[in-house]
Amino acid sequence: MRRGNIQQKENTMAVTMLDPKSALLVVDLQKGIVSLPAAHPVADVVANARMLADAFRNHGLPVVLINVAGIAPGRNEQPRHAGGQLP
């Protein structure tokens, strides 16, 4: 299916529809992250996240705010190196 310049797959849902088994996961939109350089304007990213969160909440669907700190335990027990050669 083609609408204007946007090609849409047959099995996709419109943005205005929400699957009743969905949850919205919003990852790392705290001040420290959104102040970093980004591929898209941060104000737009935050506004879109808010719009989605409002839509999910209005439909009684869960919104999970995730703040990632550090690395996963056991994934890398070596200290991070600030430049220089690795052992």
C-alpha atoms as a PDB file:
ATOM      1  CA  MET A   1       0.000   0.000   0.000  1.00  0.00           C
ATOM      2  CA  ARG A   2       1.334   3.442  -0.883  1.00  0.00           C
ATOM      3  CA  ARG A   3       0.171   6.750   0.586  1.00  0.00           C
ATOM      4  CA  GLY A   4       1.867   9.814  -0.855  1.00  0.00           C
ATOM      5  CA  ASN A   5       5.617   9.312  -0.568  1.00  0.00           C
ATOM      6  CA  ILE A   6       5.279   6.828   2.316  1.00  0.00           C
ATOM      7  CA  GLN A   7       5.133   3.135   1.574  1.00  0.00           C
ATOM      8  CA  GLN A   8       3.170   1.180   4.190  1.00  0.00           C
ATOM      9  CA  LYS A   9       3.343  -2.573   4.689  1.00  0.00           C
ATOM     10  CA  GLU A  10       0.057  -4.455   4.702  1.00  0.00           C
ATOM     11  CA  ASN A  11       0.544  -5.818   8.232  1.00  0.00           C
ATOM     12  CA  THR A  12       1.263  -2.503   9.983  1.00  0.00           C
ATOM     13  CA  MET A  13      -1.112  -0.614  12.263  1.00  0.00           C
ATOM     14  CA  ALA A  14      -1.948   3.061  12.005  1.00  0.00           C
ATOM     15  CA  VAL A  15      -0.282   5.283  14.588  1.00  0.00           C
ATOM     16  CA  THR A  16      -3.726   6.081  15.977  1.00  0.00           C
ATOM     17  CA  MET A  17      -4.345   2.408  16.873  1.00  0.00           C
ATOM     18  CA  LEU A  18      -2.827   0.594  19.850  1.00  0.00           C
ATOM     19  CA  ASP A  19      -2.615  -3.156  20.287  1.00  0.00           C
ATOM     20  CA  PRO A  20      -4.391  -4.014  23.576  1.00  0.00           C
ATOM     21  CA  LYS A  21      -1.443  -6.227  24.592  1.00  0.00           C
ATOM     22  CA  SER A  22       1.189  -3.498  24.181  1.00  0.00           C
ATOM     23  CA  ALA A  23       3.304  -1.589  26.662  1.00  0.00           C
ATOM     24  CA  LEU A  24       5.385   1.502  25.964  1.00  0.00           C
ATOM     25  CA  LEU A  25       9.021   1.358  27.089  1.00  0.00           C
ATOM     26  CA  VAL A  26      10.654   4.788  27.260  1.00  0.00           C
ATOM     27  CA  VAL A  27      14.418   4.405  27.681  1.00  0.00           C
ATOM     28  CA  ASP A  28      16.869   7.056  28.896  1.00  0.00           C
ATOM     29  CA  LEU A  29      15.062  10.351  28.387  1.00  0.00           C
ATOM     30  CA  GLN A  30      16.457  11.906  31.559  1.00  0.00           C
ATOM     31  CA  LYS A  31      18.339  15.244  31.482  1.00  0.00           C
ATOM     32  CA  GLY A  32      21.835  13.724  31.269  1.00  0.00           C
ATOM     33  CA  ILE A  33      20.986  11.776  28.119  1.00  0.00           C
ATOM     34  CA  VAL A  34      18.855  14.317  26.269  1.00  0.00           C
ATOM     35  CA  SER A  35      21.598  16.933  26.697  1.00  0.00           C
ATOM     36  CA  LEU A  36      23.933  14.822  24.512  1.00  0.00           C
ATOM     37  CA  PRO A  37      24.144  15.206  20.717  1.00  0.00           C
ATOM     38  CA  ALA A  38      21.440  13.173  18.962  1.00  0.00           C
ATOM     39  CA  ALA A  39      20.467  12.095  15.454  1.00  0.00           C
ATOM     40  CA  HIS A  40      17.066  13.792  15.796  1.00  0.00           C
ATOM     41  CA  PRO A  41      16.081  17.032  17.542  1.00  0.00           C
ATOM     42  CA  VAL A  42      15.752  16.149  21.224  1.00  0.00           C
ATOM     43  CA  ALA A  43      12.691  18.355  21.704  1.00  0.00           C
ATOM     44  CA  ASP A  44      10.899  16.339  19.004  1.00  0.00           C
ATOM     45  CA  VAL A  45      11.960  13.019  20.553  1.00  0.00           C
ATOM     46  CA  VAL A  46      10.674  14.072  23.984  1.00  0.00           C
ATOM     47  CA  ALA A  47       7.432  15.473  22.508  1.00  0.00           C
ATOM     48  CA  ASN A  48       6.820  12.220  20.586  1.00  0.00           C
ATOM     49  CA  ALA A  49       7.539  10.140  23.689  1.00  0.00           C
ATOM     50  CA  ARG A  50       5.067  12.253  25.661  1.00  0.00           C
ATOM     51  CA  MET A  51       2.414  11.935  22.938  1.00  0.00           C
ATOM     52  CA  LEU A  52       2.850   8.150  22.921  1.00  0.00           C
ATOM     53  CA  ALA A  53       2.821   7.943  26.725  1.00  0.00           C
ATOM     54  CA  ASP A  54      -0.396   9.981  26.867  1.00  0.00           C
ATOM     55  CA  ALA A  55      -2.020   7.754  24.231  1.00  0.00           C
ATOM     56  CA  PHE A  56      -1.014   4.573  26.057  1.00  0.00           C
ATOM     57  CA  ARG A  57      -2.238   5.899  29.415  1.00  0.00           C
ATOM     58  CA  ASN A  58      -5.534   7.070  27.865  1.00  0.00           C
ATOM     59  CA  HIS A  59      -6.062   3.486  26.676  1.00  0.00           C
ATOM     60  CA  GLY A  60      -5.190   2.043  30.097  1.00  0.00           C
ATOM     61  CA  LEU A  61      -1.953   0.528  28.774  1.00  0.00           C
ATOM     62  CA  PRO A  62       1.286   0.455  30.755  1.00  0.00           C
ATOM     63  CA  VAL A  63       4.076   2.991  30.286  1.00  0.00           C
ATOM     64  CA  VAL A  64       7.464   1.972  31.684  1.00  0.00           C
ATOM     65  CA  LEU A  65      10.135   4.636  32.186  1.00  0.00           C
ATOM     66  CA  ILE A  66      13.605   3.057  32.118  1.00  0.00           C
ATOM     67  CA  ASN A  67      16.796   4.758  33.276  1.00  0.00           C
ATOM     68  CA  VAL A  68      19.891   2.751  32.456  1.00  0.00           C
ATOM     69  CA  ALA A  69      22.816   3.224  34.811  1.00  0.00           C
ATOM     70  CA  GLY A  70      26.155   1.529  34.284  1.00  0.00           C
ATOM     71  CA  ILE A  71      26.560  -1.856  32.673  1.00  0.00           C
ATOM     72  CA  ALA A  72      24.904  -5.194  33.234  1.00  0.00           C
ATOM     73  CA  PRO A  73      26.458  -7.148  36.133  1.00  0.00           C
ATOM     74  CA  GLY A  74      28.784  -9.889  34.935  1.00  0.00           C
ATOM     75  CA  ARG A  75      28.891  -8.560  31.410  1.00  0.00           C
ATOM     76  CA  ASN A  76      32.261  -6.887  31.777  1.00  0.00           C
ATOM     77  CA  GLU A  77      34.071  -7.074  35.083  1.00  0.00           C
ATOM     78  CA  GLN A  78      37.130  -5.238  33.710  1.00  0.00           C
ATOM     79  CA  PRO A  79      37.419  -1.546  34.590  1.00  0.00           C
ATOM     80  CA  ARG A  80      36.896   0.850  31.699  1.00  0.00           C
ATOM     81  CA  HIS A  81      40.048   2.342  30.224  1.00  0.00           C
ATOM     82  CA  ALA A  82      40.242   6.073  29.604  1.00  0.00           C
ATOM     83  CA  GLY A  83      42.396   5.850  26.495  1.00  0.00           C
ATOM     84  CA  GLY A  84      45.771   4.217  26.168  1.00  0.00           C
ATOM     85  CA  GLN A  85      46.443   0.583  25.403  1.00  0.00           C
ATOM     86  CA  LEU A  86      44.257  -2.224  26.563  1.00  0.00           C
ATOM     87  CA  PRO A  87      45.920  -5.117  28.463  1.00  0.00           C
END
